[in-house]
Amino acid sequence: MNNTREVVKQFILENFLPGEDPKNLTDDTELKESGILDSLSTLKLVTFLEEHFKIELEASDLDAGNLSSVRSIASLVGSKTTGQSN
């Protein structure tokens, strides 16, 4: 799951925090609460996750808890890719 966290973190840094010091985005940074993710960026993130990891996310997967941090996103992806290497 470390690789998944790194992929998610890199996507967030490149798309939503250009120029930000990567050290400032930890696995537990609150993405919505800190203003990194809004509704449009969340949609872009979900689209990326589905395409990159070849998963399908249901509406119930998209609650605030599952998308609250890099760690929770990696856990969600891991639950959808059970049996696959991530």
PDB file of N, CA and C in Angstrom:
ATOM      1  N   MET A   1       0.821  -1.200   0.000  1.00  0.00           N
ATOM      2  CA  MET A   1       0.000   0.000   0.000  1.00  0.00           C
ATOM      3  C   MET A   1       0.860   1.258   0.000  1.00  0.00           C
ATOM      4  N   ASN A   2       2.143   1.137   0.357  1.00  0.00           N
ATOM      5  CA  ASN A   2       3.012   2.308   0.313  1.00  0.00           C
ATOM      6  C   ASN A   2       3.073   2.891  -1.081  1.00  0.00           C
ATOM      7  N   ASN A   3       3.141   2.028  -2.103  1.00  0.00           N
ATOM      8  CA  ASN A   3       3.177   2.511  -3.466  1.00  0.00           C
ATOM      9  C   ASN A   3       1.893   3.262  -3.804  1.00  0.00           C
ATOM     10  N   THR A   4       0.765   2.759  -3.368  1.00  0.00           N
ATOM     11  CA  THR A   4      -0.515   3.424  -3.610  1.00  0.00           C
ATOM     12  C   THR A   4      -0.504   4.811  -2.979  1.00  0.00           C
ATOM     13  N   ARG A   5      -0.030   4.903  -1.751  1.00  0.00           N
ATOM     14  CA  ARG A   5       0.037   6.205  -1.079  1.00  0.00           C
ATOM     15  C   ARG A   5       0.931   7.168  -1.846  1.00  0.00           C
ATOM     16  N   GLU A   6       2.044   6.683  -2.349  1.00  0.00           N
ATOM     17  CA  GLU A   6       2.958   7.549  -3.101  1.00  0.00           C
ATOM     18  C   GLU A   6       2.330   8.029  -4.405  1.00  0.00           C
ATOM     19  N   VAL A   7       1.616   7.145  -5.097  1.00  0.00           N
ATOM     20  CA  VAL A   7       0.953   7.514  -6.351  1.00  0.00           C
ATOM     21  C   VAL A   7      -0.115   8.575  -6.079  1.00  0.00           C
ATOM     22  N   VAL A   8      -0.922   8.357  -5.052  1.00  0.00           N
ATOM     23  CA  VAL A   8      -1.980   9.311  -4.695  1.00  0.00           C
ATOM     24  C   VAL A   8      -1.371  10.643  -4.276  1.00  0.00           C
ATOM     25  N   LYS A   9      -0.346  10.585  -3.452  1.00  0.00           N
ATOM     26  CA  LYS A   9       0.310  11.805  -2.979  1.00  0.00           C
ATOM     27  C   LYS A   9       0.884  12.598  -4.161  1.00  0.00           C
ATOM     28  N   GLN A  10       1.542  11.913  -5.084  1.00  0.00           N
ATOM     29  CA  GLN A  10       2.124  12.578  -6.242  1.00  0.00           C
ATOM     30  C   GLN A  10       1.047  13.233  -7.104  1.00  0.00           C
ATOM     31  N   PHE A  11      -0.083  12.538  -7.305  1.00  0.00           N
ATOM     32  CA  PHE A  11      -1.182  13.099  -8.087  1.00  0.00           C
ATOM     33  C   PHE A  11      -1.715  14.375  -7.435  1.00  0.00           C
ATOM     34  N   ILE A  12      -1.907  14.326  -6.126  1.00  0.00           N
ATOM     35  CA  ILE A  12      -2.424  15.496  -5.401  1.00  0.00           C
ATOM     36  C   ILE A  12      -1.441  16.658  -5.494  1.00  0.00           C
ATOM     37  N   LEU A  13      -0.170  16.380  -5.303  1.00  0.00           N
ATOM     38  CA  LEU A  13       0.835  17.439  -5.380  1.00  0.00           C
ATOM     39  C   LEU A  13       0.871  18.077  -6.763  1.00  0.00           C
ATOM     40  N   GLU A  14       0.859  17.257  -7.803  1.00  0.00           N
ATOM     41  CA  GLU A  14       0.954  17.775  -9.167  1.00  0.00           C
ATOM     42  C   GLU A  14      -0.297  18.527  -9.608  1.00  0.00           C
ATOM     43  N   ASN A  15      -1.460  18.062  -9.192  1.00  0.00           N
ATOM     44  CA  ASN A  15      -2.710  18.618  -9.695  1.00  0.00           C
ATOM     45  C   ASN A  15      -3.343  19.683  -8.812  1.00  0.00           C
ATOM     46  N   PHE A  16      -3.147  19.583  -7.510  1.00  0.00           N
ATOM     47  CA  PHE A  16      -3.844  20.487  -6.601  1.00  0.00           C
ATOM     48  C   PHE A  16      -2.910  21.356  -5.765  1.00  0.00           C
ATOM     49  N   LEU A  17      -1.629  20.991  -5.715  1.00  0.00           N
ATOM     50  CA  LEU A  17      -0.668  21.746  -4.904  1.00  0.00           C
ATOM     51  C   LEU A  17       0.633  21.982  -5.665  1.00  0.00           C
ATOM     52  N   PRO A  18       0.558  22.489  -6.888  1.00  0.00           N
ATOM     53  CA  PRO A  18       1.798  22.680  -7.651  1.00  0.00           C
ATOM     54  C   PRO A  18       2.756  23.623  -6.927  1.00  0.00           C
ATOM     55  N   GLY A  19       4.005  23.218  -6.863  1.00  0.00           N
ATOM     56  CA  GLY A  19       5.018  24.033  -6.206  1.00  0.00           C
ATOM     57  C   GLY A  19       5.105  23.844  -4.700  1.00  0.00           C
ATOM     58  N   GLU A  20       4.191  23.101  -4.134  1.00  0.00           N
ATOM     59  CA  GLU A  20       4.185  22.872  -2.674  1.00  0.00           C
ATOM     60  C   GLU A  20       5.311  21.903  -2.309  1.00  0.00           C
ATOM     61  N   ASP A  21       5.916  22.124  -1.165  1.00  0.00           N
ATOM     62  CA  ASP A  21       6.925  21.202  -0.658  1.00  0.00           C
ATOM     63  C   ASP A  21       6.235  19.878  -0.334  1.00  0.00           C
ATOM     64  N   PRO A  22       6.679  18.783  -0.957  1.00  0.00           N
ATOM     65  CA  PRO A  22       6.039  17.480  -0.704  1.00  0.00           C
ATOM     66  C   PRO A  22       6.001  17.087   0.764  1.00  0.00           C
ATOM     67  N   LYS A  23       6.927  17.592   1.555  1.00  0.00           N
ATOM     68  CA  LYS A  23       6.955  17.271   2.992  1.00  0.00           C
ATOM     69  C   LYS A  23       5.726  17.824   3.714  1.00  0.00           C
ATOM     70  N   ASN A  24       5.089  18.840   3.124  1.00  0.00           N
ATOM     71  CA  ASN A  24       3.916  19.434   3.755  1.00  0.00           C
ATOM     72  C   ASN A  24       2.649  18.600   3.581  1.00  0.00           C
ATOM     73  N   LEU A  25       2.684  17.636   2.669  1.00  0.00           N
ATOM     74  CA  LEU A  25       1.539  16.742   2.466  1.00  0.00           C
ATOM     75  C   LEU A  25       1.878  15.391   3.066  1.00  0.00           C
ATOM     76  N   THR A  26       1.351  15.151   4.252  1.00  0.00           N
ATOM     77  CA  THR A  26       1.604  13.869   4.916  1.00  0.00           C
ATOM     78  C   THR A  26       0.482  12.899   4.594  1.00  0.00           C
ATOM     79  N   ASP A  27       0.657  11.661   5.002  1.00  0.00           N
ATOM     80  CA  ASP A  27      -0.377  10.646   4.778  1.00  0.00           C
ATOM     81  C   ASP A  27      -1.653  10.965   5.538  1.00  0.00           C
ATOM     82  N   ASP A  28      -1.559  11.797   6.557  1.00  0.00           N
ATOM     83  CA  ASP A  28      -2.720  12.094   7.397  1.00  0.00           C
ATOM     84  C   ASP A  28      -3.236  13.529   7.262  1.00  0.00           C
ATOM     85  N   THR A  29      -2.705  14.302   6.312  1.00  0.00           N
ATOM     86  CA  THR A  29      -3.213  15.651   6.074  1.00  0.00           C
ATOM     87  C   THR A  29      -4.684  15.579   5.694  1.00  0.00           C
ATOM     88  N   GLU A  30      -5.509  16.360   6.361  1.00  0.00           N
ATOM     89  CA  GLU A  30      -6.942  16.403   6.057  1.00  0.00           C
ATOM     90  C   GLU A  30      -7.150  17.165   4.740  1.00  0.00           C
ATOM     91  N   LEU A  31      -7.516  16.450   3.700  1.00  0.00           N
ATOM     92  CA  LEU A  31      -7.577  17.032   2.361  1.00  0.00           C
ATOM     93  C   LEU A  31      -8.739  17.999   2.172  1.00  0.00           C
ATOM     94  N   LYS A  32      -9.908  17.651   2.654  1.00  0.00           N
ATOM     95  CA  LYS A  32     -11.060  18.544   2.495  1.00  0.00           C
ATOM     96  C   LYS A  32     -11.027  19.665   3.523  1.00  0.00           C
ATOM     97  N   GLU A  33     -10.729  19.320   4.747  1.00  0.00           N
ATOM     98  CA  GLU A  33     -10.718  20.308   5.819  1.00  0.00           C
ATOM     99  C   GLU A  33      -9.674  21.393   5.581  1.00  0.00           C
ATOM    100  N   SER A  34      -8.567  21.027   4.932  1.00  0.00           N
ATOM    101  CA  SER A  34      -7.509  22.004   4.686  1.00  0.00           C
ATOM    102  C   SER A  34      -7.711  22.755   3.374  1.00  0.00           C
ATOM    103  N   GLY A  35      -8.777  22.417   2.644  1.00  0.00           N
ATOM    104  CA  GLY A  35      -9.087  23.124   1.411  1.00  0.00           C
ATOM    105  C   GLY A  35      -8.380  22.596   0.175  1.00  0.00           C
ATOM    106  N   ILE A  36      -7.668  21.493   0.305  1.00  0.00           N
ATOM    107  CA  ILE A  36      -6.971  20.915  -0.851  1.00  0.00           C
ATOM    108  C   ILE A  36      -7.982  20.327  -1.825  1.00  0.00           C
ATOM    109  N   LEU A  37      -8.989  19.632  -1.304  1.00  0.00           N
ATOM    110  CA  LEU A  37     -10.023  19.040  -2.148  1.00  0.00           C
ATOM    111  C   LEU A  37     -11.338  19.794  -2.005  1.00  0.00           C
ATOM    112  N   ASP A  38     -11.901  20.198  -3.141  1.00  0.00           N
ATOM    113  CA  ASP A  38     -13.265  20.705  -3.188  1.00  0.00           C
ATOM    114  C   ASP A  38     -14.037  19.741  -4.084  1.00  0.00           C
ATOM    115  N   SER A  39     -15.255  20.076  -4.453  1.00  0.00           N
ATOM    116  CA  SER A  39     -16.067  19.119  -5.211  1.00  0.00           C
ATOM    117  C   SER A  39     -15.460  18.802  -6.580  1.00  0.00           C
ATOM    118  N   LEU A  40     -14.922  19.795  -7.270  1.00  0.00           N
ATOM    119  CA  LEU A  40     -14.335  19.540  -8.591  1.00  0.00           C
ATOM    120  C   LEU A  40     -13.036  18.750  -8.503  1.00  0.00           C
ATOM    121  N   SER A  41     -12.194  19.093  -7.554  1.00  0.00           N
ATOM    122  CA  SER A  41     -10.941  18.353  -7.414  1.00  0.00           C
ATOM    123  C   SER A  41     -11.205  16.930  -6.920  1.00  0.00           C
ATOM    124  N   THR A  42     -12.244  16.741  -6.127  1.00  0.00           N
ATOM    125  CA  THR A  42     -12.610  15.394  -5.693  1.00  0.00           C
ATOM    126  C   THR A  42     -13.029  14.551  -6.883  1.00  0.00           C
ATOM    127  N   LEU A  43     -13.812  15.128  -7.786  1.00  0.00           N
ATOM    128  CA  LEU A  43     -14.222  14.410  -8.989  1.00  0.00           C
ATOM    129  C   LEU A  43     -13.005  14.034  -9.830  1.00  0.00           C
ATOM    130  N   LYS A  44     -12.076  14.958  -9.972  1.00  0.00           N
ATOM    131  CA  LYS A  44     -10.851  14.683 -10.736  1.00  0.00           C
ATOM    132  C   LYS A  44     -10.043  13.575 -10.073  1.00  0.00           C
ATOM    133  N   LEU A  45      -9.953  13.596  -8.756  1.00  0.00           N
ATOM    134  CA  LEU A  45      -9.230  12.566  -8.011  1.00  0.00           C
ATOM    135  C   LEU A  45      -9.892  11.205  -8.195  1.00  0.00           C
ATOM    136  N   VAL A  46     -11.205  11.150  -8.075  1.00  0.00           N
ATOM    137  CA  VAL A  46     -11.934   9.883  -8.220  1.00  0.00           C
ATOM    138  C   VAL A  46     -11.730   9.312  -9.626  1.00  0.00           C
ATOM    139  N   THR A  47     -11.806  10.171 -10.636  1.00  0.00           N
ATOM    140  CA  THR A  47     -11.586   9.728 -12.013  1.00  0.00           C
ATOM    141  C   THR A  47     -10.177   9.153 -12.158  1.00  0.00           C
ATOM    142  N   PHE A  48      -9.192   9.831 -11.590  1.00  0.00           N
ATOM    143  CA  PHE A  48      -7.816   9.343 -11.627  1.00  0.00           C
ATOM    144  C   PHE A  48      -7.706   7.982 -10.950  1.00  0.00           C
ATOM    145  N   LEU A  49      -8.274   7.848  -9.764  1.00  0.00           N
ATOM    146  CA  LEU A  49      -8.187   6.581  -9.025  1.00  0.00           C
ATOM    147  C   LEU A  49      -8.782   5.434  -9.840  1.00  0.00           C
ATOM    148  N   GLU A  50      -9.949   5.668 -10.434  1.00  0.00           N
ATOM    149  CA  GLU A  50     -10.606   4.617 -11.212  1.00  0.00           C
ATOM    150  C   GLU A  50      -9.772   4.232 -12.428  1.00  0.00           C
ATOM    151  N   GLU A  51      -9.228   5.215 -13.119  1.00  0.00           N
ATOM    152  CA  GLU A  51      -8.454   4.924 -14.325  1.00  0.00           C
ATOM    153  C   GLU A  51      -7.086   4.325 -14.000  1.00  0.00           C
ATOM    154  N   HIS A  52      -6.394   4.895 -13.044  1.00  0.00           N
ATOM    155  CA  HIS A  52      -5.036   4.441 -12.729  1.00  0.00           C
ATOM    156  C   HIS A  52      -5.026   3.053 -12.092  1.00  0.00           C
ATOM    157  N   PHE A  53      -5.925   2.828 -11.156  1.00  0.00           N
ATOM    158  CA  PHE A  53      -5.922   1.570 -10.413  1.00  0.00           C
ATOM    159  C   PHE A  53      -6.901   0.545 -10.973  1.00  0.00           C
ATOM    160  N   LYS A  54      -7.608   0.903 -12.056  1.00  0.00           N
ATOM    161  CA  LYS A  54      -8.560  -0.005 -12.711  1.00  0.00           C
ATOM    162  C   LYS A  54      -9.594  -0.519 -11.724  1.00  0.00           C
ATOM    163  N   ILE A  55     -10.212   0.427 -10.993  1.00  0.00           N
ATOM    164  CA  ILE A  55     -11.249   0.092 -10.024  1.00  0.00           C
ATOM    165  C   ILE A  55     -12.503   0.874 -10.367  1.00  0.00           C
ATOM    166  N   GLU A  56     -13.606   0.464  -9.766  1.00  0.00           N
ATOM    167  CA  GLU A  56     -14.854   1.203  -9.905  1.00  0.00           C
ATOM    168  C   GLU A  56     -15.318   1.596  -8.514  1.00  0.00           C
ATOM    169  N   LEU A  57     -15.469   2.878  -8.308  1.00  0.00           N
ATOM    170  CA  LEU A  57     -15.904   3.373  -7.007  1.00  0.00           C
ATOM    171  C   LEU A  57     -17.409   3.624  -7.033  1.00  0.00           C
ATOM    172  N   GLU A  58     -18.081   3.165  -6.017  1.00  0.00           N
ATOM    173  CA  GLU A  58     -19.522   3.357  -5.873  1.00  0.00           C
ATOM    174  C   GLU A  58     -19.770   4.643  -5.099  1.00  0.00           C
ATOM    175  N   ALA A  59     -20.970   5.146  -5.184  1.00  0.00           N
ATOM    176  CA  ALA A  59     -21.324   6.365  -4.448  1.00  0.00           C
ATOM    177  C   ALA A  59     -21.048   6.199  -2.953  1.00  0.00           C
ATOM    178  N   SER A  60     -21.297   5.018  -2.420  1.00  0.00           N
ATOM    179  CA  SER A  60     -21.071   4.778  -0.992  1.00  0.00           C
ATOM    180  C   SER A  60     -19.582   4.810  -0.628  1.00  0.00           C
ATOM    181  N   ASP A  61     -18.706   4.622  -1.623  1.00  0.00           N
ATOM    182  CA  ASP A  61     -17.261   4.682  -1.381  1.00  0.00           C
ATOM    183  C   ASP A  61     -16.767   6.109  -1.229  1.00  0.00           C
ATOM    184  N   LEU A  62     -17.567   7.063  -1.673  1.00  0.00           N
ATOM    185  CA  LEU A  62     -17.102   8.439  -1.776  1.00  0.00           C
ATOM    186  C   LEU A  62     -17.460   9.302  -0.576  1.00  0.00           C
ATOM    187  N   ASP A  63     -17.741   8.681   0.552  1.00  0.00           N
ATOM    188  CA  ASP A  63     -18.045   9.487   1.734  1.00  0.00           C
ATOM    189  C   ASP A  63     -16.781  10.199   2.216  1.00  0.00           C
ATOM    190  N   ALA A  64     -16.976  11.185   3.026  1.00  0.00           N
ATOM    191  CA  ALA A  64     -15.865  12.042   3.459  1.00  0.00           C
ATOM    192  C   ALA A  64     -14.737  11.258   4.121  1.00  0.00           C
ATOM    193  N   GLY A  65     -15.055  10.227   4.868  1.00  0.00           N
ATOM    194  CA  GLY A  65     -14.025   9.456   5.561  1.00  0.00           C
ATOM    195  C   GLY A  65     -13.076   8.735   4.627  1.00  0.00           C
ATOM    196  N   ASN A  66     -13.595   8.220   3.522  1.00  0.00           N
ATOM    197  CA  ASN A  66     -12.752   7.478   2.578  1.00  0.00           C
ATOM    198  C   ASN A  66     -11.833   8.377   1.767  1.00  0.00           C
ATOM    199  N   LEU A  67     -12.163   9.648   1.671  1.00  0.00           N
ATOM    200  CA  LEU A  67     -11.365  10.577   0.874  1.00  0.00           C
ATOM    201  C   LEU A  67     -10.751  11.685   1.728  1.00  0.00           C
ATOM    202  N   SER A  68     -10.621  11.438   3.019  1.00  0.00           N
ATOM    203  CA  SER A  68     -10.185  12.494   3.930  1.00  0.00           C
ATOM    204  C   SER A  68      -8.679  12.709   3.948  1.00  0.00           C
ATOM    205  N   SER A  69      -7.904  11.669   3.590  1.00  0.00           N
ATOM    206  CA  SER A  69      -6.444  11.788   3.647  1.00  0.00           C
ATOM    207  C   SER A  69      -5.829  10.824   2.639  1.00  0.00           C
ATOM    208  N   VAL A  70      -4.551  10.987   2.396  1.00  0.00           N
ATOM    209  CA  VAL A  70      -3.842  10.055   1.506  1.00  0.00           C
ATOM    210  C   VAL A  70      -3.956   8.636   2.059  1.00  0.00           C
ATOM    211  N   ARG A  71      -3.829   8.491   3.364  1.00  0.00           N
ATOM    212  CA  ARG A  71      -3.908   7.166   3.990  1.00  0.00           C
ATOM    213  C   ARG A  71      -5.286   6.529   3.770  1.00  0.00           C
ATOM    214  N   SER A  72      -6.353   7.300   3.961  1.00  0.00           N
ATOM    215  CA  SER A  72      -7.697   6.735   3.795  1.00  0.00           C
ATOM    216  C   SER A  72      -7.985   6.421   2.329  1.00  0.00           C
ATOM    217  N   ILE A  73      -7.465   7.227   1.408  1.00  0.00           N
ATOM    218  CA  ILE A  73      -7.645   6.951  -0.022  1.00  0.00           C
ATOM    219  C   ILE A  73      -6.914   5.671  -0.395  1.00  0.00           C
ATOM    220  N   ALA A  74      -5.685   5.506   0.097  1.00  0.00           N
ATOM    221  CA  ALA A  74      -4.924   4.291  -0.183  1.00  0.00           C
ATOM    222  C   ALA A  74      -5.631   3.063   0.383  1.00  0.00           C
ATOM    223  N   SER A  75      -6.237   3.206   1.539  1.00  0.00           N
ATOM    224  CA  SER A  75      -6.990   2.103   2.138  1.00  0.00           C
ATOM    225  C   SER A  75      -8.206   1.754   1.282  1.00  0.00           C
ATOM    226  N   LEU A  76      -8.908   2.755   0.790  1.00  0.00           N
ATOM    227  CA  LEU A  76     -10.056   2.536  -0.091  1.00  0.00           C
ATOM    228  C   LEU A  76      -9.618   1.820  -1.360  1.00  0.00           C
ATOM    229  N   VAL A  77      -8.553   2.294  -1.981  1.00  0.00           N
ATOM    230  CA  VAL A  77      -8.044   1.651  -3.198  1.00  0.00           C
ATOM    231  C   VAL A  77      -7.648   0.216  -2.893  1.00  0.00           C
ATOM    232  N   GLY A  78      -6.987   0.009  -1.767  1.00  0.00           N
ATOM    233  CA  GLY A  78      -6.590  -1.339  -1.368  1.00  0.00           C
ATOM    234  C   GLY A  78      -7.777  -2.272  -1.211  1.00  0.00           C
ATOM    235  N   SER A  79      -8.875  -1.757  -0.671  1.00  0.00           N
ATOM    236  CA  SER A  79     -10.063  -2.592  -0.486  1.00  0.00           C
ATOM    237  C   SER A  79     -10.699  -2.956  -1.823  1.00  0.00           C
ATOM    238  N   LYS A  80     -10.481  -2.117  -2.833  1.00  0.00           N
ATOM    239  CA  LYS A  80     -11.051  -2.358  -4.168  1.00  0.00           C
ATOM    240  C   LYS A  80     -10.142  -3.217  -5.045  1.00  0.00           C
ATOM    241  N   THR A  81      -8.879  -3.317  -4.655  1.00  0.00           N
ATOM    242  CA  THR A  81      -7.929  -4.076  -5.461  1.00  0.00           C
ATOM    243  C   THR A  81      -7.443  -5.325  -4.737  1.00  0.00           C
ATOM    244  N   THR A  82      -8.250  -5.846  -3.845  1.00  0.00           N
ATOM    245  CA  THR A  82      -7.882  -7.022  -3.083  1.00  0.00           C
ATOM    246  C   THR A  82      -7.449  -8.130  -4.044  1.00  0.00           C
ATOM    247  N   GLY A  83      -6.301  -8.678  -3.754  1.00  0.00           N
ATOM    248  CA  GLY A  83      -5.765  -9.735  -4.603  1.00  0.00           C
ATOM    249  C   GLY A  83      -4.851  -9.212  -5.693  1.00  0.00           C
ATOM    250  N   GLN A  84      -4.815  -7.891  -5.865  1.00  0.00           N
ATOM    251  CA  GLN A  84      -3.916  -7.291  -6.838  1.00  0.00           C
ATOM    252  C   GLN A  84      -2.742  -6.683  -6.097  1.00  0.00           C
ATOM    253  N   SER A  85      -1.642  -6.527  -6.773  1.00  0.00           N
ATOM    254  CA  SER A  85      -0.478  -5.875  -6.180  1.00  0.00           C
ATOM    255  C   SER A  85      -0.649  -4.378  -6.301  1.00  0.00           C
ATOM    256  N   ASN A  86      -0.509  -3.648  -5.192  1.00  0.00           N
ATOM    257  CA  ASN A  86      -0.553  -2.200  -5.239  1.00  0.00           C
ATOM    258  C   ASN A  86       0.601  -1.699  -4.473  1.00  0.00           C
TER     259      ASN A  86
END
